[in-house]
C-alpha atoms as a PDB file:
ATOM      1  CA  UNK A   1       2.598  50.374 -16.461  1.00  0.00           C
ATOM      2  CA  UNK A   2      -0.128  50.576 -19.132  1.00  0.00           C
ATOM      3  CA  UNK A   3      -3.680  49.925 -17.996  1.00  0.00           C
ATOM      4  CA  UNK A   4      -5.859  48.610 -20.800  1.00  0.00           C
ATOM      5  CA  UNK A   5      -9.626  48.170 -21.050  1.00  0.00           C
ATOM      6  CA  UNK A   6     -10.912  46.043 -23.914  1.00  0.00           C
ATOM      7  CA  UNK A   7     -14.463  46.068 -25.263  1.00  0.00           C
ATOM      8  CA  UNK A   8     -14.798  42.411 -26.115  1.00  0.00           C
ATOM      9  CA  UNK A   9     -17.066  40.003 -27.934  1.00  0.00           C
ATOM     10  CA  UNK A  10     -16.233  36.370 -28.593  1.00  0.00           C
ATOM     11  CA  UNK A  11     -13.510  34.586 -30.554  1.00  0.00           C
ATOM     12  CA  UNK A  12     -11.750  37.597 -32.125  1.00  0.00           C
ATOM     13  CA  UNK A  13     -11.628  39.476 -28.841  1.00  0.00           C
ATOM     14  CA  UNK A  14     -10.458  36.396 -26.965  1.00  0.00           C
ATOM     15  CA  UNK A  15      -7.548  35.934 -29.367  1.00  0.00           C
ATOM     16  CA  UNK A  16      -6.600  39.608 -29.106  1.00  0.00           C
ATOM     17  CA  UNK A  17      -6.701  39.404 -25.298  1.00  0.00           C
ATOM     18  CA  UNK A  18      -4.532  36.279 -25.414  1.00  0.00           C
ATOM     19  CA  UNK A  19      -1.854  38.364 -27.100  1.00  0.00           C
ATOM     20  CA  UNK A  20      -2.425  41.396 -24.890  1.00  0.00           C
ATOM     21  CA  UNK A  21      -1.831  39.599 -21.596  1.00  0.00           C
ATOM     22  CA  UNK A  22       1.515  38.431 -22.963  1.00  0.00           C
ATOM     23  CA  UNK A  23       2.761  41.968 -23.648  1.00  0.00           C
ATOM     24  CA  UNK A  24       1.396  43.786 -20.555  1.00  0.00           C
ATOM     25  CA  UNK A  25       0.868  42.422 -17.051  1.00  0.00           C
ATOM     26  CA  UNK A  26      -2.489  40.596 -16.988  1.00  0.00           C
ATOM     27  CA  UNK A  27      -3.494  42.398 -13.788  1.00  0.00           C
ATOM     28  CA  UNK A  28      -3.461  45.663 -15.777  1.00  0.00           C
ATOM     29  CA  UNK A  29      -6.049  44.369 -18.265  1.00  0.00           C
ATOM     30  CA  UNK A  30      -9.832  44.604 -17.960  1.00  0.00           C
ATOM     31  CA  UNK A  31     -12.018  42.770 -20.462  1.00  0.00           C
ATOM     32  CA  UNK A  32     -15.534  44.233 -20.627  1.00  0.00           C
ATOM     33  CA  UNK A  33     -17.520  41.484 -22.298  1.00  0.00           C
ATOM     34  CA  UNK A  34     -20.755  41.327 -24.275  1.00  0.00           C
ATOM     35  CA  UNK A  35     -23.721  39.529 -22.703  1.00  0.00           C
ATOM     36  CA  UNK A  36     -26.218  40.179 -25.499  1.00  0.00           C
ATOM     37  CA  UNK A  37     -25.505  36.600 -26.655  1.00  0.00           C
ATOM     38  CA  UNK A  38     -26.458  35.106 -23.279  1.00  0.00           C
ATOM     39  CA  UNK A  39     -29.220  32.549 -23.306  1.00  0.00           C
ATOM     40  CA  UNK A  40     -31.361  30.596 -20.866  1.00  0.00           C
ATOM     41  CA  UNK A  41     -31.270  27.053 -22.261  1.00  0.00           C
ATOM     42  CA  UNK A  42     -32.593  23.903 -20.593  1.00  0.00           C
ATOM     43  CA  UNK A  43     -32.833  25.855 -17.340  1.00  0.00           C
ATOM     44  CA  UNK A  44     -29.204  27.014 -17.493  1.00  0.00           C
ATOM     45  CA  UNK A  45     -27.754  30.514 -17.824  1.00  0.00           C
ATOM     46  CA  UNK A  46     -25.156  30.385 -20.576  1.00  0.00           C
ATOM     47  CA  UNK A  47     -22.748  33.265 -21.263  1.00  0.00           C
ATOM     48  CA  UNK A  48     -20.948  32.292 -24.490  1.00  0.00           C
ATOM     49  CA  UNK A  49     -18.703  35.346 -24.876  1.00  0.00           C
ATOM     50  CA  UNK A  50     -17.616  35.386 -21.233  1.00  0.00           C
ATOM     51  CA  UNK A  51     -16.777  31.685 -21.470  1.00  0.00           C
ATOM     52  CA  UNK A  52     -14.921  32.001 -24.775  1.00  0.00           C
ATOM     53  CA  UNK A  53     -12.702  34.731 -23.327  1.00  0.00           C
ATOM     54  CA  UNK A  54     -12.084  32.763 -20.136  1.00  0.00           C
ATOM     55  CA  UNK A  55     -11.438  29.430 -21.867  1.00  0.00           C
ATOM     56  CA  UNK A  56      -9.073  31.005 -24.408  1.00  0.00           C
ATOM     57  CA  UNK A  57      -6.955  32.808 -21.843  1.00  0.00           C
ATOM     58  CA  UNK A  58      -6.841  29.743 -19.594  1.00  0.00           C
ATOM     59  CA  UNK A  59      -5.625  27.664 -22.571  1.00  0.00           C
ATOM     60  CA  UNK A  60      -8.667  25.410 -22.290  1.00  0.00           C
ATOM     61  CA  UNK A  61     -10.491  26.402 -25.475  1.00  0.00           C
ATOM     62  CA  UNK A  62     -11.193  23.998 -28.310  1.00  0.00           C
ATOM     63  CA  UNK A  63      -8.581  25.091 -30.888  1.00  0.00           C
ATOM     64  CA  UNK A  64     -10.652  23.833 -33.814  1.00  0.00           C
ATOM     65  CA  UNK A  65     -13.777  25.890 -33.082  1.00  0.00           C
ATOM     66  CA  UNK A  66     -12.388  28.794 -31.031  1.00  0.00           C
ATOM     67  CA  UNK A  67     -15.139  28.193 -28.466  1.00  0.00           C
ATOM     68  CA  UNK A  68     -16.045  25.425 -26.021  1.00  0.00           C
ATOM     69  CA  UNK A  69     -13.535  23.258 -24.239  1.00  0.00           C
ATOM     70  CA  UNK A  70     -10.710  21.125 -25.559  1.00  0.00           C
ATOM     71  CA  UNK A  71     -11.325  17.373 -25.433  1.00  0.00           C
ATOM     72  CA  UNK A  72     -15.097  17.672 -25.178  1.00  0.00           C
ATOM     73  CA  UNK A  73     -17.638  14.886 -25.446  1.00  0.00           C
ATOM     74  CA  UNK A  74     -21.377  15.239 -26.024  1.00  0.00           C
ATOM     75  CA  UNK A  75     -22.928  12.240 -24.314  1.00  0.00           C
ATOM     76  CA  UNK A  76     -25.255  14.418 -22.231  1.00  0.00           C
ATOM     77  CA  UNK A  77     -26.504  16.308 -25.292  1.00  0.00           C
ATOM     78  CA  UNK A  78     -26.973  13.062 -27.216  1.00  0.00           C
ATOM     79  CA  UNK A  79     -29.008  11.608 -24.368  1.00  0.00           C
ATOM     80  CA  UNK A  80     -31.028  14.812 -24.090  1.00  0.00           C
ATOM     81  CA  UNK A  81     -31.819  14.508 -27.786  1.00  0.00           C
ATOM     82  CA  UNK A  82     -32.965  10.906 -27.311  1.00  0.00           C
ATOM     83  CA  UNK A  83     -35.310  12.136 -24.598  1.00  0.00           C
ATOM     84  CA  UNK A  84     -36.779  14.765 -26.900  1.00  0.00           C
ATOM     85  CA  UNK A  85     -35.215  17.694 -25.070  1.00  0.00           C
ATOM     86  CA  UNK A  86     -33.734  20.877 -26.560  1.00  0.00           C
ATOM     87  CA  UNK A  87     -30.611  19.723 -28.380  1.00  0.00           C
ATOM     88  CA  UNK A  88     -29.964  22.503 -30.915  1.00  0.00           C
ATOM     89  CA  UNK A  89     -27.475  24.410 -28.763  1.00  0.00           C
ATOM     90  CA  UNK A  90     -24.112  22.654 -28.527  1.00  0.00           C
ATOM     91  CA  UNK A  91     -23.126  22.147 -24.891  1.00  0.00           C
ATOM     92  CA  UNK A  92     -20.323  19.697 -24.208  1.00  0.00           C
ATOM     93  CA  UNK A  93     -20.115  17.533 -21.112  1.00  0.00           C
ATOM     94  CA  UNK A  94     -17.220  19.510 -19.585  1.00  0.00           C
ATOM     95  CA  UNK A  95     -18.683  22.873 -20.596  1.00  0.00           C
ATOM     96  CA  UNK A  96     -21.897  21.879 -18.844  1.00  0.00           C
ATOM     97  CA  UNK A  97     -20.147  22.163 -15.473  1.00  0.00           C
ATOM     98  CA  UNK A  98     -19.473  25.877 -16.051  1.00  0.00           C
ATOM     99  CA  UNK A  99     -23.139  26.536 -16.781  1.00  0.00           C
ATOM    100  CA  UNK A 100     -24.299  24.501 -13.795  1.00  0.00           C
ATOM    101  CA  UNK A 101     -21.904  26.442 -11.549  1.00  0.00           C
ATOM    102  CA  UNK A 102     -23.026  29.818 -12.946  1.00  0.00           C
ATOM    103  CA  UNK A 103     -26.734  28.985 -12.759  1.00  0.00           C
ATOM    104  CA  UNK A 104     -26.460  27.713  -9.194  1.00  0.00           C
ATOM    105  CA  UNK A 105     -24.754  30.822  -7.858  1.00  0.00           C
ATOM    106  CA  UNK A 106     -26.984  33.197  -9.809  1.00  0.00           C
ATOM    107  CA  UNK A 107     -29.909  31.354  -8.247  1.00  0.00           C
ATOM    108  CA  UNK A 108     -28.433  32.123  -4.832  1.00  0.00           C
ATOM    109  CA  UNK A 109     -28.735  35.834  -5.573  1.00  0.00           C
ATOM    110  CA  UNK A 110     -25.191  36.566  -6.738  1.00  0.00           C
ATOM    111  CA  UNK A 111     -24.766  38.981  -9.671  1.00  0.00           C
ATOM    112  CA  UNK A 112     -23.219  37.737 -12.895  1.00  0.00           C
ATOM    113  CA  UNK A 113     -20.084  39.862 -12.358  1.00  0.00           C
ATOM    114  CA  UNK A 114     -19.400  38.195  -9.003  1.00  0.00           C
ATOM    115  CA  UNK A 115     -19.924  34.690 -10.390  1.00  0.00           C
ATOM    116  CA  UNK A 116     -17.667  35.553 -13.343  1.00  0.00           C
ATOM    117  CA  UNK A 117     -14.886  36.750 -11.049  1.00  0.00           C
ATOM    118  CA  UNK A 118     -15.088  33.457  -9.160  1.00  0.00           C
ATOM    119  CA  UNK A 119     -14.886  31.421 -12.372  1.00  0.00           C
ATOM    120  CA  UNK A 120     -11.967  33.524 -13.638  1.00  0.00           C
ATOM    121  CA  UNK A 121     -10.092  33.088 -10.353  1.00  0.00           C
ATOM    122  CA  UNK A 122     -10.686  29.329 -10.435  1.00  0.00           C
ATOM    123  CA  UNK A 123      -9.291  29.291 -13.989  1.00  0.00           C
ATOM    124  CA  UNK A 124      -6.058  30.790 -12.632  1.00  0.00           C
ATOM    125  CA  UNK A 125      -6.333  34.074 -14.542  1.00  0.00           C
ATOM    126  CA  UNK A 126      -5.062  37.424 -13.284  1.00  0.00           C
ATOM    127  CA  UNK A 127      -6.832  39.803 -15.637  1.00  0.00           C
ATOM    128  CA  UNK A 128     -10.223  41.266 -14.724  1.00  0.00           C
ATOM    129  CA  UNK A 129     -13.038  39.826 -16.844  1.00  0.00           C
ATOM    130  CA  UNK A 130     -16.480  41.300 -16.326  1.00  0.00           C
ATOM    131  CA  UNK A 131     -19.833  41.305 -18.066  1.00  0.00           C
ATOM    132  CA  UNK A 132     -20.741  44.786 -19.258  1.00  0.00           C
ATOM    133  CA  UNK A 133     -23.827  44.648 -17.050  1.00  0.00           C
ATOM    134  CA  UNK A 134     -25.331  42.424 -14.369  1.00  0.00           C
ATOM    135  CA  UNK A 135     -28.788  43.188 -15.718  1.00  0.00           C
ATOM    136  CA  UNK A 136     -30.583  41.153 -18.361  1.00  0.00           C
ATOM    137  CA  UNK A 137     -29.525  42.322 -21.841  1.00  0.00           C
ATOM    138  CA  UNK A 138     -30.385  40.347 -24.966  1.00  0.00           C
ATOM    139  CA  UNK A 139     -29.630  41.017 -28.623  1.00  0.00           C
ATOM    140  CA  UNK A 140     -32.740  40.641 -30.777  1.00  0.00           C
ATOM    141  CA  UNK A 141     -32.282  40.270 -34.545  1.00  0.00           C
ATOM    142  CA  UNK A 142     -34.983  41.490 -36.948  1.00  0.00           C
ATOM    143  CA  UNK A 143     -34.855  39.473 -40.180  1.00  0.00           C
ATOM    144  CA  UNK A 144     -36.927  38.617 -43.246  1.00  0.00           C
ATOM    145  CA  UNK A 145     -38.242  35.636 -41.283  1.00  0.00           C
ATOM    146  CA  UNK A 146     -39.154  37.637 -38.158  1.00  0.00           C
ATOM    147  CA  UNK A 147     -37.391  38.651 -34.953  1.00  0.00           C
ATOM    148  CA  UNK A 148     -35.178  36.172 -33.160  1.00  0.00           C
ATOM    149  CA  UNK A 149     -32.903  36.143 -30.153  1.00  0.00           C
ATOM    150  CA  UNK A 150     -29.251  36.103 -31.157  1.00  0.00           C
ATOM    151  CA  UNK A 151     -28.707  32.395 -30.512  1.00  0.00           C
ATOM    152  CA  UNK A 152     -31.881  31.476 -32.400  1.00  0.00           C
ATOM    153  CA  UNK A 153     -30.661  33.546 -35.347  1.00  0.00           C
ATOM    154  CA  UNK A 154     -27.031  32.456 -35.209  1.00  0.00           C
ATOM    155  CA  UNK A 155     -27.104  28.842 -34.013  1.00  0.00           C
ATOM    156  CA  UNK A 156     -30.574  27.408 -34.550  1.00  0.00           C
ATOM    157  CA  UNK A 157     -31.153  29.151 -37.901  1.00  0.00           C
ATOM    158  CA  UNK A 158     -27.433  29.216 -38.867  1.00  0.00           C
ATOM    159  CA  UNK A 159     -27.435  32.969 -39.638  1.00  0.00           C
ATOM    160  CA  UNK A 160     -29.136  32.421 -43.008  1.00  0.00           C
ATOM    161  CA  UNK A 161     -31.735  35.177 -42.602  1.00  0.00           C
ATOM    162  CA  UNK A 162     -31.222  38.665 -43.998  1.00  0.00           C
ATOM    163  CA  UNK A 163     -30.810  41.090 -41.083  1.00  0.00           C
ATOM    164  CA  UNK A 164     -32.687  44.396 -41.127  1.00  0.00           C
ATOM    165  CA  UNK A 165     -32.006  45.774 -37.674  1.00  0.00           C
ATOM    166  CA  UNK A 166     -31.037  44.921 -34.122  1.00  0.00           C
ATOM    167  CA  UNK A 167     -32.452  45.891 -30.777  1.00  0.00           C
ATOM    168  CA  UNK A 168     -31.071  45.250 -27.337  1.00  0.00           C
ATOM    169  CA  UNK A 169     -33.801  44.073 -25.027  1.00  0.00           C
ATOM    170  CA  UNK A 170     -33.273  45.377 -21.502  1.00  0.00           C
ATOM    171  CA  UNK A 171     -30.806  48.095 -22.502  1.00  0.00           C
ATOM    172  CA  UNK A 172     -33.071  50.918 -21.380  1.00  0.00           C
ATOM    173  CA  UNK A 173     -32.818  49.923 -17.730  1.00  0.00           C
ATOM    174  CA  UNK A 174     -29.432  48.181 -17.693  1.00  0.00           C
ATOM    175  CA  UNK A 175     -26.627  49.627 -15.603  1.00  0.00           C
ATOM    176  CA  UNK A 176     -22.902  49.088 -16.033  1.00  0.00           C
ATOM    177  CA  UNK A 177     -21.522  46.281 -13.896  1.00  0.00           C
ATOM    178  CA  UNK A 178     -19.278  47.300 -10.973  1.00  0.00           C
ATOM    179  CA  UNK A 179     -15.890  48.741 -12.034  1.00  0.00           C
ATOM    180  CA  UNK A 180     -16.813  49.018 -15.725  1.00  0.00           C
ATOM    181  CA  UNK A 181     -17.010  52.816 -15.641  1.00  0.00           C
ATOM    182  CA  UNK A 182     -13.865  53.049 -13.514  1.00  0.00           C
ATOM    183  CA  UNK A 183     -11.946  50.738 -15.871  1.00  0.00           C
ATOM    184  CA  UNK A 184     -12.826  52.873 -18.882  1.00  0.00           C
ATOM    185  CA  UNK A 185     -12.011  56.160 -17.160  1.00  0.00           C
ATOM    186  CA  UNK A 186      -8.807  55.005 -15.472  1.00  0.00           C
ATOM    187  CA  UNK A 187      -7.277  53.026 -18.343  1.00  0.00           C
ATOM    188  CA  UNK A 188      -4.419  54.400 -20.414  1.00  0.00           C
ATOM    189  CA  UNK A 189      -5.789  52.712 -23.534  1.00  0.00           C
ATOM    190  CA  UNK A 190      -9.250  51.484 -24.520  1.00  0.00           C
ATOM    191  CA  UNK A 191      -9.324  48.910 -27.305  1.00  0.00           C
ATOM    192  CA  UNK A 192     -12.379  48.036 -29.348  1.00  0.00           C
ATOM    193  CA  UNK A 193     -11.476  44.438 -30.120  1.00  0.00           C
ATOM    194  CA  UNK A 194     -11.748  42.891 -33.603  1.00  0.00           C
ATOM    195  CA  UNK A 195     -15.281  41.723 -32.885  1.00  0.00           C
ATOM    196  CA  UNK A 196     -18.522  42.035 -34.821  1.00  0.00           C
ATOM    197  CA  UNK A 197     -19.464  45.741 -34.550  1.00  0.00           C
ATOM    198  CA  UNK A 198     -23.192  45.011 -34.509  1.00  0.00           C
ATOM    199  CA  UNK A 199     -23.486  41.754 -32.559  1.00  0.00           C
ATOM    200  CA  UNK A 200     -20.590  42.128 -30.103  1.00  0.00           C
ATOM    201  CA  UNK A 201     -19.730  45.814 -29.669  1.00  0.00           C
ATOM    202  CA  UNK A 202     -23.113  47.543 -30.089  1.00  0.00           C
ATOM    203  CA  UNK A 203     -24.672  45.559 -27.205  1.00  0.00           C
ATOM    204  CA  UNK A 204     -21.915  46.862 -24.920  1.00  0.00           C
ATOM    205  CA  UNK A 205     -22.486  50.429 -26.067  1.00  0.00           C
ATOM    206  CA  UNK A 206     -26.264  50.102 -25.658  1.00  0.00           C
ATOM    207  CA  UNK A 207     -25.903  50.161 -21.856  1.00  0.00           C
ATOM    208  CA  UNK A 208     -26.890  53.720 -20.920  1.00  0.00           C
ATOM    209  CA  UNK A 209     -23.911  56.038 -20.645  1.00  0.00           C
ATOM    210  CA  UNK A 210     -21.263  53.720 -22.072  1.00  0.00           C
ATOM    211  CA  UNK A 211     -21.223  54.990 -25.661  1.00  0.00           C
ATOM    212  CA  UNK A 212     -20.907  58.546 -24.351  1.00  0.00           C
ATOM    213  CA  UNK A 213     -18.195  57.481 -21.922  1.00  0.00           C
ATOM    214  CA  UNK A 214     -16.108  55.805 -24.632  1.00  0.00           C
ATOM    215  CA  UNK A 215     -16.603  58.796 -26.948  1.00  0.00           C
ATOM    216  CA  UNK A 216     -15.462  61.166 -24.211  1.00  0.00           C
ATOM    217  CA  UNK A 217     -12.233  59.135 -23.981  1.00  0.00           C
ATOM    218  CA  UNK A 218     -11.774  59.027 -27.772  1.00  0.00           C
ATOM    219  CA  UNK A 219      -8.171  60.246 -27.618  1.00  0.00           C
ATOM    220  CA  UNK A 220      -7.092  56.962 -25.995  1.00  0.00           C
ATOM    221  CA  UNK A 221      -9.329  54.579 -27.958  1.00  0.00           C
ATOM    222  CA  UNK A 222      -8.059  52.249 -30.692  1.00  0.00           C
ATOM    223  CA  UNK A 223     -10.371  50.070 -32.793  1.00  0.00           C
ATOM    224  CA  UNK A 224      -9.122  46.966 -34.590  1.00  0.00           C
ATOM    225  CA  UNK A 225     -10.903  46.089 -37.839  1.00  0.00           C
ATOM    226  CA  UNK A 226     -12.571  42.644 -37.916  1.00  0.00           C
ATOM    227  CA  UNK A 227     -12.852  42.917 -41.704  1.00  0.00           C
ATOM    228  CA  UNK A 228      -9.866  42.015 -43.901  1.00  0.00           C
ATOM    229  CA  UNK A 229     -10.066  42.324 -47.663  1.00  0.00           C
ATOM    230  CA  UNK A 230     -13.825  42.759 -47.564  1.00  0.00           C
ATOM    231  CA  UNK A 231     -14.421  39.582 -45.572  1.00  0.00           C
ATOM    232  CA  UNK A 232     -15.009  38.811 -41.908  1.00  0.00           C
ATOM    233  CA  UNK A 233     -12.316  36.736 -40.261  1.00  0.00           C
ATOM    234  CA  UNK A 234     -15.050  34.808 -38.444  1.00  0.00           C
ATOM    235  CA  UNK A 235     -18.821  35.069 -38.170  1.00  0.00           C
ATOM    236  CA  UNK A 236     -21.498  37.047 -40.044  1.00  0.00           C
ATOM    237  CA  UNK A 237     -20.053  40.574 -39.766  1.00  0.00           C
ATOM    238  CA  UNK A 238     -19.655  41.024 -43.539  1.00  0.00           C
ATOM    239  CA  UNK A 239     -23.181  39.799 -44.269  1.00  0.00           C
ATOM    240  CA  UNK A 240     -24.670  42.110 -41.659  1.00  0.00           C
ATOM    241  CA  UNK A 241     -22.684  45.105 -42.892  1.00  0.00           C
ATOM    242  CA  UNK A 242     -24.155  44.511 -46.329  1.00  0.00           C
ATOM    243  CA  UNK A 243     -27.727  43.784 -45.253  1.00  0.00           C
ATOM    244  CA  UNK A 244     -27.833  46.871 -43.037  1.00  0.00           C
ATOM    245  CA  UNK A 245     -26.602  49.131 -45.811  1.00  0.00           C
ATOM    246  CA  UNK A 246     -22.954  49.606 -44.886  1.00  0.00           C
ATOM    247  CA  UNK A 247     -19.850  49.277 -47.024  1.00  0.00           C
ATOM    248  CA  UNK A 248     -18.493  45.736 -46.636  1.00  0.00           C
ATOM    249  CA  UNK A 249     -14.929  46.774 -45.925  1.00  0.00           C
ATOM    250  CA  UNK A 250     -12.655  48.072 -43.217  1.00  0.00           C
ATOM    251  CA  UNK A 251     -13.820  51.529 -44.317  1.00  0.00           C
ATOM    252  CA  UNK A 252     -17.382  50.550 -43.456  1.00  0.00           C
ATOM    253  CA  UNK A 253     -16.248  49.517 -39.980  1.00  0.00           C
ATOM    254  CA  UNK A 254     -14.205  52.704 -39.513  1.00  0.00           C
ATOM    255  CA  UNK A 255     -17.284  54.802 -40.249  1.00  0.00           C
ATOM    256  CA  UNK A 256     -19.118  53.006 -37.453  1.00  0.00           C
ATOM    257  CA  UNK A 257     -16.381  53.866 -34.949  1.00  0.00           C
ATOM    258  CA  UNK A 258     -15.328  57.362 -36.050  1.00  0.00           C
ATOM    259  CA  UNK A 259     -16.970  59.076 -33.060  1.00  0.00           C
ATOM    260  CA  UNK A 260     -15.510  56.546 -30.619  1.00  0.00           C
ATOM    261  CA  UNK A 261     -11.882  55.915 -31.599  1.00  0.00           C
ATOM    262  CA  UNK A 262      -8.940  58.076 -32.560  1.00  0.00           C
ATOM    263  CA  UNK A 263      -6.879  55.156 -33.881  1.00  0.00           C
ATOM    264  CA  UNK A 264      -8.007  52.567 -36.414  1.00  0.00           C
ATOM    265  CA  UNK A 265      -5.881  49.433 -36.869  1.00  0.00           C
ATOM    266  CA  UNK A 266      -6.003  48.259 -40.464  1.00  0.00           C
ATOM    267  CA  UNK A 267      -4.666  45.061 -41.986  1.00  0.00           C
ATOM    268  CA  UNK A 268      -1.923  45.340 -44.599  1.00  0.00           C
ATOM    269  CA  UNK A 269      -4.308  43.853 -47.156  1.00  0.00           C
ATOM    270  CA  UNK A 270      -6.420  47.000 -46.878  1.00  0.00           C
ATOM    271  CA  UNK A 271      -3.590  49.539 -46.843  1.00  0.00           C
ATOM    272  CA  UNK A 272      -5.065  51.310 -49.882  1.00  0.00           C
ATOM    273  CA  UNK A 273      -8.036  52.367 -47.720  1.00  0.00           C
ATOM    274  CA  UNK A 274      -5.881  54.202 -45.169  1.00  0.00           C
ATOM    275  CA  UNK A 275      -5.985  57.678 -46.704  1.00  0.00           C
ATOM    276  CA  UNK A 276      -9.748  57.503 -47.277  1.00  0.00           C
ATOM    277  CA  UNK A 277     -10.366  56.387 -43.717  1.00  0.00           C
ATOM    278  CA  UNK A 278      -8.211  59.189 -42.346  1.00  0.00           C
ATOM    279  CA  UNK A 279      -9.814  61.875 -44.490  1.00  0.00           C
ATOM    280  CA  UNK A 280     -13.407  60.721 -43.925  1.00  0.00           C
ATOM    281  CA  UNK A 281     -13.268  59.896 -40.226  1.00  0.00           C
ATOM    282  CA  UNK A 282     -10.383  61.920 -38.795  1.00  0.00           C
ATOM    283  CA  UNK A 283      -8.915  58.728 -37.327  1.00  0.00           C
ATOM    284  CA  UNK A 284      -5.211  57.932 -37.327  1.00  0.00           C
ATOM    285  CA  UNK A 285      -4.730  54.714 -39.256  1.00  0.00           C
ATOM    286  CA  UNK A 286      -2.108  52.192 -38.166  1.00  0.00           C
ATOM    287  CA  UNK A 287      -1.346  49.497 -40.750  1.00  0.00           C
ATOM    288  CA  UNK A 288      -0.091  46.086 -39.654  1.00  0.00           C
ATOM    289  CA  UNK A 289      -0.944  42.373 -39.956  1.00  0.00           C
ATOM    290  CA  UNK A 290      -4.159  41.732 -38.014  1.00  0.00           C
ATOM    291  CA  UNK A 291      -4.795  38.052 -38.758  1.00  0.00           C
ATOM    292  CA  UNK A 292      -4.059  36.230 -35.495  1.00  0.00           C
ATOM    293  CA  UNK A 293      -2.722  32.948 -36.802  1.00  0.00           C
ATOM    294  CA  UNK A 294      -0.452  32.114 -33.862  1.00  0.00           C
ATOM    295  CA  UNK A 295       0.735  33.433 -30.509  1.00  0.00           C
ATOM    296  CA  UNK A 296       3.401  35.649 -32.065  1.00  0.00           C
ATOM    297  CA  UNK A 297       0.834  37.258 -34.364  1.00  0.00           C
ATOM    298  CA  UNK A 298      -1.509  37.893 -31.435  1.00  0.00           C
ATOM    299  CA  UNK A 299       1.273  39.511 -29.435  1.00  0.00           C
ATOM    300  CA  UNK A 300       2.402  41.652 -32.354  1.00  0.00           C
ATOM    301  CA  UNK A 301      -1.132  42.909 -32.976  1.00  0.00           C
ATOM    302  CA  UNK A 302      -1.663  43.729 -29.287  1.00  0.00           C
ATOM    303  CA  UNK A 303       1.691  45.492 -28.978  1.00  0.00           C
ATOM    304  CA  UNK A 304       1.171  47.436 -32.209  1.00  0.00           C
ATOM    305  CA  UNK A 305      -2.302  48.535 -31.167  1.00  0.00           C
ATOM    306  CA  UNK A 306      -1.047  49.804 -27.817  1.00  0.00           C
ATOM    307  CA  UNK A 307       1.863  51.596 -29.450  1.00  0.00           C
ATOM    308  CA  UNK A 308      -0.463  53.396 -31.865  1.00  0.00           C
ATOM    309  CA  UNK A 309      -2.953  54.321 -29.134  1.00  0.00           C
ATOM    310  CA  UNK A 310      -0.184  55.691 -26.944  1.00  0.00           C
ATOM    311  CA  UNK A 311       1.096  57.870 -29.834  1.00  0.00           C
ATOM    312  CA  UNK A 312       4.387  55.974 -29.659  1.00  0.00           C
ATOM    313  CA  UNK A 313       5.209  55.818 -33.323  1.00  0.00           C
END
């Protein structure tokens, strides 16, 4: 039995988890998910990263986008637009039911972690998916055009603004959700998923005590690079690395994680960086294909990451 805790953002983490639950029993996996992207929109509480993980693992995700539900329609959003309502955030008709369910039960006084467990159970999943915190935590992006919430920056403004810095509103008083600390301490392996280091992983680590907790478990932590050949697989990670003064490469990512992870999983494309990463950061580099193009590739990446973290080759 190998118990695994995964620090997870959106699409990249969801795909990694989809492979992971095929190589270890799902009940032995805990996904600790970013909520810095959460938004209150049209009166609804929306948790994009939690939903992307859940939809992907339940085989309900839209395969073309990597988020949202397969077979969606947008009649409600189109009608909302006709009425002059907020229509900039894409919510499909089926997806809307998830947000209505979540908002209703949060309004009844239930914490987000409890509502998430209910949704995960109803999706037929056995792994444990939890928000990193039940408290309000929002990623705020400081740009040339001013400060915006993450969804304003990423969706409404299409991530065109140069990013100077990030802050995590609410982090000072946030507490880890139930079982988050236990999952990190009791796991055999902690994986930092191939997610955006700034927009997906840093919000998790901003919750007081969590960065220190992961660092204290460094010997069992493996980080998977989301940068391949100097480019992000998905999303604005490369642009943000550059705008915030970091090397736009897997080496730049490794430097961000050197105090947190003992193992760094590097794509074959970047094999030439391995010796530099090892000498600069003290990490053990494991080279393998990291592009998750199909189920077999997801499984191979998950299995290889676990093998490296467990010092098994």
